[in-house]
PDB file of N, CA and C in Angstrom:
ATOM      1  N   MET A   1       0.815  -1.188   0.000  1.00  0.00           N
ATOM      2  CA  MET A   1       0.000   0.000   0.000  1.00  0.00           C
ATOM      3  C   MET A   1       0.860   1.254   0.000  1.00  0.00           C
ATOM      4  N   VAL A   2       2.052   1.136   0.521  1.00  0.00           N
ATOM      5  CA  VAL A   2       2.950   2.286   0.548  1.00  0.00           C
ATOM      6  C   VAL A   2       3.288   2.721  -0.883  1.00  0.00           C
ATOM      7  N   ALA A   3       3.402   1.762  -1.796  1.00  0.00           N
ATOM      8  CA  ALA A   3       3.702   2.101  -3.190  1.00  0.00           C
ATOM      9  C   ALA A   3       2.605   2.987  -3.781  1.00  0.00           C
ATOM     10  N   PHE A   4       1.345   2.728  -3.424  1.00  0.00           N
ATOM     11  CA  PHE A   4       0.250   3.590  -3.887  1.00  0.00           C
ATOM     12  C   PHE A   4       0.365   4.967  -3.247  1.00  0.00           C
ATOM     13  N   ASP A   5       0.728   4.997  -1.998  1.00  0.00           N
ATOM     14  CA  ASP A   5       0.871   6.275  -1.305  1.00  0.00           C
ATOM     15  C   ASP A   5       1.976   7.115  -1.936  1.00  0.00           C
ATOM     16  N   ASN A   6       3.047   6.457  -2.371  1.00  0.00           N
ATOM     17  CA  ASN A   6       4.155   7.172  -2.994  1.00  0.00           C
ATOM     18  C   ASN A   6       3.753   7.833  -4.309  1.00  0.00           C
ATOM     19  N   LEU A   7       2.687   7.351  -4.935  1.00  0.00           N
ATOM     20  CA  LEU A   7       2.232   7.915  -6.210  1.00  0.00           C
ATOM     21  C   LEU A   7       0.933   8.708  -6.057  1.00  0.00           C
ATOM     22  N   GLN A   8       0.628   9.145  -4.843  1.00  0.00           N
ATOM     23  CA  GLN A   8      -0.613   9.889  -4.595  1.00  0.00           C
ATOM     24  C   GLN A   8      -0.730  11.126  -5.478  1.00  0.00           C
ATOM     25  N   ASP A   9       0.350  11.864  -5.684  1.00  0.00           N
ATOM     26  CA  ASP A   9       0.286  13.086  -6.498  1.00  0.00           C
ATOM     27  C   ASP A   9      -0.081  12.763  -7.942  1.00  0.00           C
ATOM     28  N   GLU A  10       0.581  11.761  -8.509  1.00  0.00           N
ATOM     29  CA  GLU A  10       0.280  11.372  -9.893  1.00  0.00           C
ATOM     30  C   GLU A  10      -1.150  10.870 -10.023  1.00  0.00           C
ATOM     31  N   LEU A  11      -1.604  10.094  -9.052  1.00  0.00           N
ATOM     32  CA  LEU A  11      -2.981   9.595  -9.081  1.00  0.00           C
ATOM     33  C   LEU A  11      -3.977  10.743  -8.941  1.00  0.00           C
ATOM     34  N   ALA A  12      -3.670  11.698  -8.065  1.00  0.00           N
ATOM     35  CA  ALA A  12      -4.559  12.847  -7.866  1.00  0.00           C
ATOM     36  C   ALA A  12      -4.674  13.675  -9.143  1.00  0.00           C
ATOM     37  N   GLU A  13      -3.571  13.822  -9.878  1.00  0.00           N
ATOM     38  CA  GLU A  13      -3.602  14.549 -11.154  1.00  0.00           C
ATOM     39  C   GLU A  13      -4.561  13.896 -12.139  1.00  0.00           C
ATOM     40  N   LEU A  14      -4.744  12.594 -12.022  1.00  0.00           N
ATOM     41  CA  LEU A  14      -5.669  11.860 -12.891  1.00  0.00           C
ATOM     42  C   LEU A  14      -7.083  11.838 -12.317  1.00  0.00           C
ATOM     43  N   GLY A  15      -7.254  12.430 -11.159  1.00  0.00           N
ATOM     44  CA  GLY A  15      -8.565  12.409 -10.512  1.00  0.00           C
ATOM     45  C   GLY A  15      -8.836  11.103  -9.793  1.00  0.00           C
ATOM     46  N   ALA A  16      -7.771  10.332  -9.539  1.00  0.00           N
ATOM     47  CA  ALA A  16      -7.917   9.029  -8.888  1.00  0.00           C
ATOM     48  C   ALA A  16      -7.705   9.158  -7.384  1.00  0.00           C
ATOM     49  N   GLU A  17      -8.424   8.356  -6.647  1.00  0.00           N
ATOM     50  CA  GLU A  17      -8.314   8.337  -5.192  1.00  0.00           C
ATOM     51  C   GLU A  17      -8.139   6.893  -4.743  1.00  0.00           C
ATOM     52  N   VAL A  18      -7.246   6.666  -3.817  1.00  0.00           N
ATOM     53  CA  VAL A  18      -7.027   5.334  -3.261  1.00  0.00           C
ATOM     54  C   VAL A  18      -7.770   5.244  -1.939  1.00  0.00           C
ATOM     55  N   ILE A  19      -8.558   4.190  -1.801  1.00  0.00           N
ATOM     56  CA  ILE A  19      -9.255   3.896  -0.553  1.00  0.00           C
ATOM     57  C   ILE A  19      -9.018   2.422  -0.268  1.00  0.00           C
ATOM     58  N   ALA A  20      -8.675   2.076   0.946  1.00  0.00           N
ATOM     59  CA  ALA A  20      -8.401   0.685   1.312  1.00  0.00           C
ATOM     60  C   ALA A  20      -9.349   0.248   2.425  1.00  0.00           C
ATOM     61  N   ALA A  21      -9.517  -1.057   2.543  1.00  0.00           N
ATOM     62  CA  ALA A  21     -10.330  -1.627   3.615  1.00  0.00           C
ATOM     63  C   ALA A  21      -9.671  -2.910   4.092  1.00  0.00           C
ATOM     64  N   SER A  22      -9.836  -3.196   5.377  1.00  0.00           N
ATOM     65  CA  SER A  22      -9.183  -4.349   5.983  1.00  0.00           C
ATOM     66  C   SER A  22     -10.098  -4.990   7.025  1.00  0.00           C
ATOM     67  N   VAL A  23      -9.866  -6.256   7.287  1.00  0.00           N
ATOM     68  CA  VAL A  23     -10.583  -6.926   8.373  1.00  0.00           C
ATOM     69  C   VAL A  23      -9.973  -6.569   9.717  1.00  0.00           C
ATOM     70  N   ASP A  24      -8.753  -6.057   9.689  1.00  0.00           N
ATOM     71  CA  ASP A  24      -8.054  -5.701  10.933  1.00  0.00           C
ATOM     72  C   ASP A  24      -8.772  -4.572  11.667  1.00  0.00           C
ATOM     73  N   VAL A  25      -8.634  -4.575  12.980  1.00  0.00           N
ATOM     74  CA  VAL A  25      -9.187  -3.504  13.816  1.00  0.00           C
ATOM     75  C   VAL A  25      -8.156  -3.120  14.874  1.00  0.00           C
ATOM     76  N   GLY A  26      -8.369  -1.978  15.487  1.00  0.00           N
ATOM     77  CA  GLY A  26      -7.534  -1.568  16.618  1.00  0.00           C
ATOM     78  C   GLY A  26      -6.103  -1.313  16.238  1.00  0.00           C
ATOM     79  N   ASP A  27      -5.174  -1.781  17.086  1.00  0.00           N
ATOM     80  CA  ASP A  27      -3.749  -1.504  16.908  1.00  0.00           C
ATOM     81  C   ASP A  27      -3.225  -1.996  15.565  1.00  0.00           C
ATOM     82  N   THR A  28      -3.654  -3.176  15.145  1.00  0.00           N
ATOM     83  CA  THR A  28      -3.176  -3.733  13.876  1.00  0.00           C
ATOM     84  C   THR A  28      -3.591  -2.823  12.721  1.00  0.00           C
ATOM     85  N   SER A  29      -4.814  -2.358  12.740  1.00  0.00           N
ATOM     86  CA  SER A  29      -5.304  -1.460  11.703  1.00  0.00           C
ATOM     87  C   SER A  29      -4.556  -0.129  11.736  1.00  0.00           C
ATOM     88  N   ARG A  30      -4.330   0.387  12.910  1.00  0.00           N
ATOM     89  CA  ARG A  30      -3.628   1.671  13.039  1.00  0.00           C
ATOM     90  C   ARG A  30      -2.188   1.571  12.535  1.00  0.00           C
ATOM     91  N   GLU A  31      -1.533   0.445  12.753  1.00  0.00           N
ATOM     92  CA  GLU A  31      -0.159   0.266  12.283  1.00  0.00           C
ATOM     93  C   GLU A  31      -0.096   0.394  10.765  1.00  0.00           C
ATOM     94  N   VAL A  32      -1.049  -0.215  10.085  1.00  0.00           N
ATOM     95  CA  VAL A  32      -1.092  -0.134   8.625  1.00  0.00           C
ATOM     96  C   VAL A  32      -1.416   1.290   8.196  1.00  0.00           C
ATOM     97  N   ALA A  33      -2.398   1.904   8.836  1.00  0.00           N
ATOM     98  CA  ALA A  33      -2.836   3.252   8.468  1.00  0.00           C
ATOM     99  C   ALA A  33      -1.734   4.289   8.664  1.00  0.00           C
ATOM    100  N   GLU A  34      -0.854   4.078   9.620  1.00  0.00           N
ATOM    101  CA  GLU A  34       0.233   5.031   9.877  1.00  0.00           C
ATOM    102  C   GLU A  34       1.219   5.106   8.719  1.00  0.00           C
ATOM    103  N   GLU A  35       1.258   4.077   7.889  1.00  0.00           N
ATOM    104  CA  GLU A  35       2.219   4.026   6.788  1.00  0.00           C
ATOM    105  C   GLU A  35       1.740   4.763   5.540  1.00  0.00           C
ATOM    106  N   VAL A  36       0.451   5.116   5.480  1.00  0.00           N
ATOM    107  CA  VAL A  36      -0.106   5.725   4.272  1.00  0.00           C
ATOM    108  C   VAL A  36      -0.963   6.935   4.621  1.00  0.00           C
ATOM    109  N   SER A  37      -1.238   7.748   3.617  1.00  0.00           N
ATOM    110  CA  SER A  37      -2.033   8.953   3.855  1.00  0.00           C
ATOM    111  C   SER A  37      -3.482   8.819   3.377  1.00  0.00           C
ATOM    112  N   PHE A  38      -3.821   7.727   2.693  1.00  0.00           N
ATOM    113  CA  PHE A  38      -5.189   7.585   2.209  1.00  0.00           C
ATOM    114  C   PHE A  38      -6.079   6.880   3.229  1.00  0.00           C
ATOM    115  N   LYS A  39      -7.370   6.915   2.953  1.00  0.00           N
ATOM    116  CA  LYS A  39      -8.358   6.354   3.880  1.00  0.00           C
ATOM    117  C   LYS A  39      -8.280   4.831   3.909  1.00  0.00           C
ATOM    118  N   ILE A  40      -8.386   4.272   5.125  1.00  0.00           N
ATOM    119  CA  ILE A  40      -8.433   2.824   5.291  1.00  0.00           C
ATOM    120  C   ILE A  40      -9.588   2.497   6.222  1.00  0.00           C
ATOM    121  N   GLY A  41     -10.537   1.742   5.708  1.00  0.00           N
ATOM    122  CA  GLY A  41     -11.633   1.256   6.543  1.00  0.00           C
ATOM    123  C   GLY A  41     -11.157   0.040   7.308  1.00  0.00           C
ATOM    124  N   GLU A  42     -11.703  -0.172   8.485  1.00  0.00           N
ATOM    125  CA  GLU A  42     -11.274  -1.328   9.285  1.00  0.00           C
ATOM    126  C   GLU A  42     -12.478  -2.173   9.671  1.00  0.00           C
ATOM    127  N   GLY A  43     -12.195  -3.411  10.035  1.00  0.00           N
ATOM    128  CA  GLY A  43     -13.229  -4.309  10.530  1.00  0.00           C
ATOM    129  C   GLY A  43     -14.215  -4.766   9.471  1.00  0.00           C
ATOM    130  N   VAL A  44     -13.739  -4.939   8.225  1.00  0.00           N
ATOM    131  CA  VAL A  44     -14.629  -5.362   7.147  1.00  0.00           C
ATOM    132  C   VAL A  44     -15.169  -6.759   7.436  1.00  0.00           C
ATOM    133  N   THR A  45     -16.474  -6.910   7.337  1.00  0.00           N
ATOM    134  CA  THR A  45     -17.132  -8.198   7.567  1.00  0.00           C
ATOM    135  C   THR A  45     -17.373  -8.912   6.243  1.00  0.00           C
ATOM    136  N   ARG A  46     -17.748 -10.162   6.318  1.00  0.00           N
ATOM    137  CA  ARG A  46     -18.078 -10.925   5.106  1.00  0.00           C
ATOM    138  C   ARG A  46     -19.212 -10.241   4.341  1.00  0.00           C
ATOM    139  N   ASP A  47     -20.244  -9.785   5.051  1.00  0.00           N
ATOM    140  CA  ASP A  47     -21.365  -9.120   4.383  1.00  0.00           C
ATOM    141  C   ASP A  47     -20.906  -7.860   3.657  1.00  0.00           C
ATOM    142  N   GLN A  48     -20.034  -7.076   4.287  1.00  0.00           N
ATOM    143  CA  GLN A  48     -19.520  -5.869   3.642  1.00  0.00           C
ATOM    144  C   GLN A  48     -18.659  -6.215   2.438  1.00  0.00           C
ATOM    145  N   ALA A  49     -17.844  -7.263   2.562  1.00  0.00           N
ATOM    146  CA  ALA A  49     -17.027  -7.705   1.431  1.00  0.00           C
ATOM    147  C   ALA A  49     -17.929  -8.100   0.267  1.00  0.00           C
ATOM    148  N   ASN A  50     -19.010  -8.779   0.551  1.00  0.00           N
ATOM    149  CA  ASN A  50     -19.948  -9.166  -0.498  1.00  0.00           C
ATOM    150  C   ASN A  50     -20.557  -7.939  -1.169  1.00  0.00           C
ATOM    151  N   LEU A  51     -20.892  -6.915  -0.384  1.00  0.00           N
ATOM    152  CA  LEU A  51     -21.445  -5.685  -0.954  1.00  0.00           C
ATOM    153  C   LEU A  51     -20.433  -4.995  -1.874  1.00  0.00           C
ATOM    154  N   LEU A  52     -19.154  -5.073  -1.508  1.00  0.00           N
ATOM    155  CA  LEU A  52     -18.099  -4.482  -2.325  1.00  0.00           C
ATOM    156  C   LEU A  52     -17.807  -5.302  -3.573  1.00  0.00           C
ATOM    157  N   GLY A  53     -18.220  -6.561  -3.576  1.00  0.00           N
ATOM    158  CA  GLY A  53     -17.864  -7.449  -4.668  1.00  0.00           C
ATOM    159  C   GLY A  53     -16.493  -8.059  -4.461  1.00  0.00           C
ATOM    160  N   ALA A  54     -15.998  -8.000  -3.236  1.00  0.00           N
ATOM    161  CA  ALA A  54     -14.677  -8.540  -2.912  1.00  0.00           C
ATOM    162  C   ALA A  54     -14.794 -10.027  -2.570  1.00  0.00           C
ATOM    163  N   TRP A  55     -13.687 -10.724  -2.667  1.00  0.00           N
ATOM    164  CA  TRP A  55     -13.658 -12.148  -2.336  1.00  0.00           C
ATOM    165  C   TRP A  55     -13.236 -12.280  -0.878  1.00  0.00           C
ATOM    166  N   TYR A  56     -14.049 -12.927  -0.097  1.00  0.00           N
ATOM    167  CA  TYR A  56     -13.779 -13.042   1.335  1.00  0.00           C
ATOM    168  C   TYR A  56     -12.950 -14.265   1.702  1.00  0.00           C
ATOM    169  N   GLY A  57     -12.771 -15.175   0.795  1.00  0.00           N
ATOM    170  CA  GLY A  57     -12.028 -16.395   1.118  1.00  0.00           C
ATOM    171  C   GLY A  57     -12.985 -17.563   1.287  1.00  0.00           C
ATOM    172  N   ASP A  58     -12.418 -18.732   1.423  1.00  0.00           N
ATOM    173  CA  ASP A  58     -13.224 -19.939   1.578  1.00  0.00           C
ATOM    174  C   ASP A  58     -12.452 -20.925   2.444  1.00  0.00           C
ATOM    175  N   ALA A  59     -12.877 -22.168   2.429  1.00  0.00           N
ATOM    176  CA  ALA A  59     -12.256 -23.181   3.302  1.00  0.00           C
ATOM    177  C   ALA A  59     -10.775 -23.378   2.991  1.00  0.00           C
ATOM    178  N   ARG A  60     -10.355 -23.108   1.756  1.00  0.00           N
ATOM    179  CA  ARG A  60      -8.952 -23.304   1.374  1.00  0.00           C
ATOM    180  C   ARG A  60      -8.076 -22.094   1.665  1.00  0.00           C
ATOM    181  N   HIS A  61      -8.702 -20.960   1.920  1.00  0.00           N
ATOM    182  CA  HIS A  61      -7.978 -19.708   2.139  1.00  0.00           C
ATOM    183  C   HIS A  61      -8.441 -19.104   3.455  1.00  0.00           C
ATOM    184  N   PRO A  62      -7.656 -18.216   4.000  1.00  0.00           N
ATOM    185  CA  PRO A  62      -8.064 -17.606   5.273  1.00  0.00           C
ATOM    186  C   PRO A  62      -9.449 -16.963   5.176  1.00  0.00           C
ATOM    187  N   GLU A  63     -10.214 -17.130   6.219  1.00  0.00           N
ATOM    188  CA  GLU A  63     -11.559 -16.562   6.276  1.00  0.00           C
ATOM    189  C   GLU A  63     -11.467 -15.068   6.549  1.00  0.00           C
ATOM    190  N   MET A  64     -11.052 -14.331   5.534  1.00  0.00           N
ATOM    191  CA  MET A  64     -10.955 -12.883   5.624  1.00  0.00           C
ATOM    192  C   MET A  64     -11.015 -12.334   4.213  1.00  0.00           C
ATOM    193  N   ILE A  65     -11.220 -11.028   4.115  1.00  0.00           N
ATOM    194  CA  ILE A  65     -11.253 -10.417   2.794  1.00  0.00           C
ATOM    195  C   ILE A  65      -9.898 -10.619   2.127  1.00  0.00           C
ATOM    196  N   GLN A  66      -9.920 -11.108   0.913  1.00  0.00           N
ATOM    197  CA  GLN A  66      -8.699 -11.312   0.150  1.00  0.00           C
ATOM    198  C   GLN A  66      -8.426 -10.051  -0.659  1.00  0.00           C
ATOM    199  N   PRO A  67      -7.166  -9.840  -1.068  1.00  0.00           N
ATOM    200  CA  PRO A  67      -6.869  -8.647  -1.847  1.00  0.00           C
ATOM    201  C   PRO A  67      -7.808  -8.528  -3.044  1.00  0.00           C
ATOM    202  N   SER A  68      -8.575  -7.481  -3.058  1.00  0.00           N
ATOM    203  CA  SER A  68      -9.547  -7.209  -4.101  1.00  0.00           C
ATOM    204  C   SER A  68      -9.407  -5.739  -4.462  1.00  0.00           C
ATOM    205  N   GLU A  69      -9.101  -5.479  -5.710  1.00  0.00           N
ATOM    206  CA  GLU A  69      -8.829  -4.109  -6.120  1.00  0.00           C
ATOM    207  C   GLU A  69      -9.752  -3.740  -7.270  1.00  0.00           C
ATOM    208  N   PHE A  70     -10.222  -2.498  -7.248  1.00  0.00           N
ATOM    209  CA  PHE A  70     -11.181  -2.041  -8.243  1.00  0.00           C
ATOM    210  C   PHE A  70     -10.769  -0.679  -8.780  1.00  0.00           C
ATOM    211  N   VAL A  71     -10.926  -0.490 -10.076  1.00  0.00           N
ATOM    212  CA  VAL A  71     -10.818   0.825 -10.694  1.00  0.00           C
ATOM    213  C   VAL A  71     -12.242   1.210 -11.055  1.00  0.00           C
ATOM    214  N   VAL A  72     -12.711   2.277 -10.419  1.00  0.00           N
ATOM    215  CA  VAL A  72     -14.092   2.713 -10.590  1.00  0.00           C
ATOM    216  C   VAL A  72     -14.077   4.095 -11.235  1.00  0.00           C
ATOM    217  N   ASN A  73     -14.889   4.278 -12.295  1.00  0.00           N
ATOM    218  CA  ASN A  73     -14.887   5.586 -12.948  1.00  0.00           C
ATOM    219  C   ASN A  73     -15.770   6.571 -12.198  1.00  0.00           C
ATOM    220  N   ALA A  74     -15.828   7.794 -12.691  1.00  0.00           N
ATOM    221  CA  ALA A  74     -16.576   8.863 -12.008  1.00  0.00           C
ATOM    222  C   ALA A  74     -18.070   8.564 -11.919  1.00  0.00           C
ATOM    223  N   ASP A  75     -18.563   7.690 -12.811  1.00  0.00           N
ATOM    224  CA  ASP A  75     -19.976   7.314 -12.792  1.00  0.00           C
ATOM    225  C   ASP A  75     -20.257   6.130 -11.863  1.00  0.00           C
ATOM    226  N   GLY A  76     -19.214   5.629 -11.191  1.00  0.00           N
ATOM    227  CA  GLY A  76     -19.375   4.504 -10.277  1.00  0.00           C
ATOM    228  C   GLY A  76     -19.307   3.143 -10.948  1.00  0.00           C
ATOM    229  N   LYS A  77     -18.941   3.106 -12.217  1.00  0.00           N
ATOM    230  CA  LYS A  77     -18.834   1.840 -12.951  1.00  0.00           C
ATOM    231  C   LYS A  77     -17.457   1.224 -12.732  1.00  0.00           C
ATOM    232  N   VAL A  78     -17.423  -0.064 -12.406  1.00  0.00           N
ATOM    233  CA  VAL A  78     -16.150  -0.773 -12.246  1.00  0.00           C
ATOM    234  C   VAL A  78     -15.557  -0.992 -13.632  1.00  0.00           C
ATOM    235  N   MET A  79     -14.396  -0.408 -13.854  1.00  0.00           N
ATOM    236  CA  MET A  79     -13.723  -0.506 -15.151  1.00  0.00           C
ATOM    237  C   MET A  79     -12.712  -1.647 -15.188  1.00  0.00           C
ATOM    238  N   MET A  80     -12.227  -2.030 -14.017  1.00  0.00           N
ATOM    239  CA  MET A  80     -11.224  -3.084 -13.915  1.00  0.00           C
ATOM    240  C   MET A  80     -11.233  -3.605 -12.492  1.00  0.00           C
ATOM    241  N   SER A  81     -10.961  -4.891 -12.331  1.00  0.00           N
ATOM    242  CA  SER A  81     -10.856  -5.435 -10.979  1.00  0.00           C
ATOM    243  C   SER A  81      -9.777  -6.504 -10.948  1.00  0.00           C
ATOM    244  N   SER A  82      -9.278  -6.752  -9.756  1.00  0.00           N
ATOM    245  CA  SER A  82      -8.241  -7.746  -9.548  1.00  0.00           C
ATOM    246  C   SER A  82      -8.513  -8.441  -8.222  1.00  0.00           C
ATOM    247  N   TYR A  83      -8.438  -9.761  -8.234  1.00  0.00           N
ATOM    248  CA  TYR A  83      -8.649 -10.555  -7.020  1.00  0.00           C
ATOM    249  C   TYR A  83      -7.437 -11.452  -6.834  1.00  0.00           C
ATOM    250  N   SER A  84      -6.991 -11.598  -5.607  1.00  0.00           N
ATOM    251  CA  SER A  84      -5.801 -12.393  -5.349  1.00  0.00           C
ATOM    252  C   SER A  84      -5.938 -13.131  -4.024  1.00  0.00           C
ATOM    253  N   ALA A  85      -5.363 -14.317  -3.963  1.00  0.00           N
ATOM    254  CA  ALA A  85      -5.352 -15.071  -2.706  1.00  0.00           C
ATOM    255  C   ALA A  85      -3.959 -15.034  -2.087  1.00  0.00           C
ATOM    256  N   GLY A  86      -3.137 -14.109  -2.539  1.00  0.00           N
ATOM    257  CA  GLY A  86      -1.788 -13.998  -2.021  1.00  0.00           C
ATOM    258  C   GLY A  86      -1.110 -12.766  -2.569  1.00  0.00           C
ATOM    259  N   PRO A  87       0.201 -12.680  -2.408  1.00  0.00           N
ATOM    260  CA  PRO A  87       0.916 -11.466  -2.793  1.00  0.00           C
ATOM    261  C   PRO A  87       1.074 -11.269  -4.303  1.00  0.00           C
ATOM    262  N   LEU A  88       0.877 -12.301  -5.111  1.00  0.00           N
ATOM    263  CA  LEU A  88       1.031 -12.164  -6.557  1.00  0.00           C
ATOM    264  C   LEU A  88      -0.291 -11.756  -7.203  1.00  0.00           C
ATOM    265  N   GLY A  89      -0.195 -11.029  -8.285  1.00  0.00           N
ATOM    266  CA  GLY A  89      -1.382 -10.666  -9.043  1.00  0.00           C
ATOM    267  C   GLY A  89      -2.076  -9.403  -8.579  1.00  0.00           C
ATOM    268  N   ARG A  90      -1.470  -8.677  -7.673  1.00  0.00           N
ATOM    269  CA  ARG A  90      -2.070  -7.426  -7.219  1.00  0.00           C
ATOM    270  C   ARG A  90      -1.730  -6.303  -8.187  1.00  0.00           C
ATOM    271  N   MET A  91      -2.553  -5.250  -8.147  1.00  0.00           N
ATOM    272  CA  MET A  91      -2.309  -4.105  -9.016  1.00  0.00           C
ATOM    273  C   MET A  91      -1.012  -3.410  -8.621  1.00  0.00           C
ATOM    274  N   ASN A  92      -0.262  -3.035  -9.633  1.00  0.00           N
ATOM    275  CA  ASN A  92       0.955  -2.262  -9.448  1.00  0.00           C
ATOM    276  C   ASN A  92       0.590  -0.802  -9.679  1.00  0.00           C
ATOM    277  N   PRO A  93       0.959   0.108  -8.771  1.00  0.00           N
ATOM    278  CA  PRO A  93       0.571   1.512  -8.915  1.00  0.00           C
ATOM    279  C   PRO A  93       1.012   2.139 -10.236  1.00  0.00           C
ATOM    280  N   ASP A  94       2.228   1.830 -10.701  1.00  0.00           N
ATOM    281  CA  ASP A  94       2.689   2.373 -11.980  1.00  0.00           C
ATOM    282  C   ASP A  94       1.809   1.879 -13.126  1.00  0.00           C
ATOM    283  N   ASP A  95       1.470   0.594 -13.097  1.00  0.00           N
ATOM    284  CA  ASP A  95       0.591   0.039 -14.125  1.00  0.00           C
ATOM    285  C   ASP A  95      -0.809   0.626 -14.026  1.00  0.00           C
ATOM    286  N   LEU A  96      -1.256   0.902 -12.819  1.00  0.00           N
ATOM    287  CA  LEU A  96      -2.579   1.484 -12.629  1.00  0.00           C
ATOM    288  C   LEU A  96      -2.668   2.850 -13.307  1.00  0.00           C
ATOM    289  N   ILE A  97      -1.624   3.639 -13.200  1.00  0.00           N
ATOM    290  CA  ILE A  97      -1.597   4.940 -13.862  1.00  0.00           C
ATOM    291  C   ILE A  97      -1.699   4.760 -15.375  1.00  0.00           C
ATOM    292  N   LYS A  98      -0.991   3.768 -15.917  1.00  0.00           N
ATOM    293  CA  LYS A  98      -1.078   3.484 -17.359  1.00  0.00           C
ATOM    294  C   LYS A  98      -2.485   3.065 -17.746  1.00  0.00           C
ATOM    295  N   VAL A  99      -3.112   2.229 -16.933  1.00  0.00           N
ATOM    296  CA  VAL A  99      -4.477   1.767 -17.222  1.00  0.00           C
ATOM    297  C   VAL A  99      -5.456   2.932 -17.202  1.00  0.00           C
ATOM    298  N   ILE A 100      -5.336   3.799 -16.205  1.00  0.00           N
ATOM    299  CA  ILE A 100      -6.233   4.957 -16.126  1.00  0.00           C
ATOM    300  C   ILE A 100      -6.057   5.837 -17.366  1.00  0.00           C
ATOM    301  N   ASN A 101      -4.824   6.093 -17.760  1.00  0.00           N
ATOM    302  CA  ASN A 101      -4.573   6.883 -18.965  1.00  0.00           C
ATOM    303  C   ASN A 101      -5.167   6.202 -20.195  1.00  0.00           C
ATOM    304  N   PHE A 102      -5.026   4.889 -20.287  1.00  0.00           N
ATOM    305  CA  PHE A 102      -5.584   4.145 -21.415  1.00  0.00           C
ATOM    306  C   PHE A 102      -7.107   4.248 -21.430  1.00  0.00           C
ATOM    307  N   LEU A 103      -7.744   4.029 -20.283  1.00  0.00           N
ATOM    308  CA  LEU A 103      -9.208   4.116 -20.201  1.00  0.00           C
ATOM    309  C   LEU A 103      -9.692   5.525 -20.546  1.00  0.00           C
ATOM    310  N   GLU A 104      -8.942   6.527 -20.109  1.00  0.00           N
ATOM    311  CA  GLU A 104      -9.287   7.920 -20.424  1.00  0.00           C
ATOM    312  C   GLU A 104      -9.201   8.160 -21.930  1.00  0.00           C
ATOM    313  N   SER A 105      -8.186   7.572 -22.567  1.00  0.00           N
ATOM    314  CA  SER A 105      -8.035   7.773 -24.013  1.00  0.00           C
ATOM    315  C   SER A 105      -9.183   7.112 -24.777  1.00  0.00           C
ATOM    316  N   LEU A 106      -9.699   6.013 -24.277  1.00  0.00           N
ATOM    317  CA  LEU A 106     -10.839   5.357 -24.934  1.00  0.00           C
ATOM    318  C   LEU A 106     -12.114   6.184 -24.806  1.00  0.00           C
ATOM    319  N   ALA A 107     -12.208   6.908 -23.724  1.00  0.00           N
ATOM    320  CA  ALA A 107     -13.414   7.698 -23.457  1.00  0.00           C
ATOM    321  C   ALA A 107     -13.477   8.958 -24.329  1.00  0.00           C
ATOM    322  N   LYS A 108     -12.348   9.355 -24.914  1.00  0.00           N
ATOM    323  CA  LYS A 108     -12.312  10.597 -25.714  1.00  0.00           C
ATOM    324  C   LYS A 108     -12.786  10.359 -27.129  1.00  0.00           C
TER     325      LYS A 108
END
């Protein structure tokens, strides 16, 4: 998440905002939040994960929200999403900037 925070200015220039959510609460949540400047929701439940369209996990994976990333346009439409059960396959902030620029070029 720190990598996204490091590119906050570039993302802001594109009108993009980073918002994170976690199942963690209390001290654990605060430790993560101290590392970044964007909003982080805490204590995400399975029902909330379902409302977000996030993957909460199953019997083979930890019973918690799994990394789920969304690019949402100004109209609230999901333009891209990524789901992962581990550290691989997550969105890279540099690539995200390229994707946003690409999506913007298609809209013109």
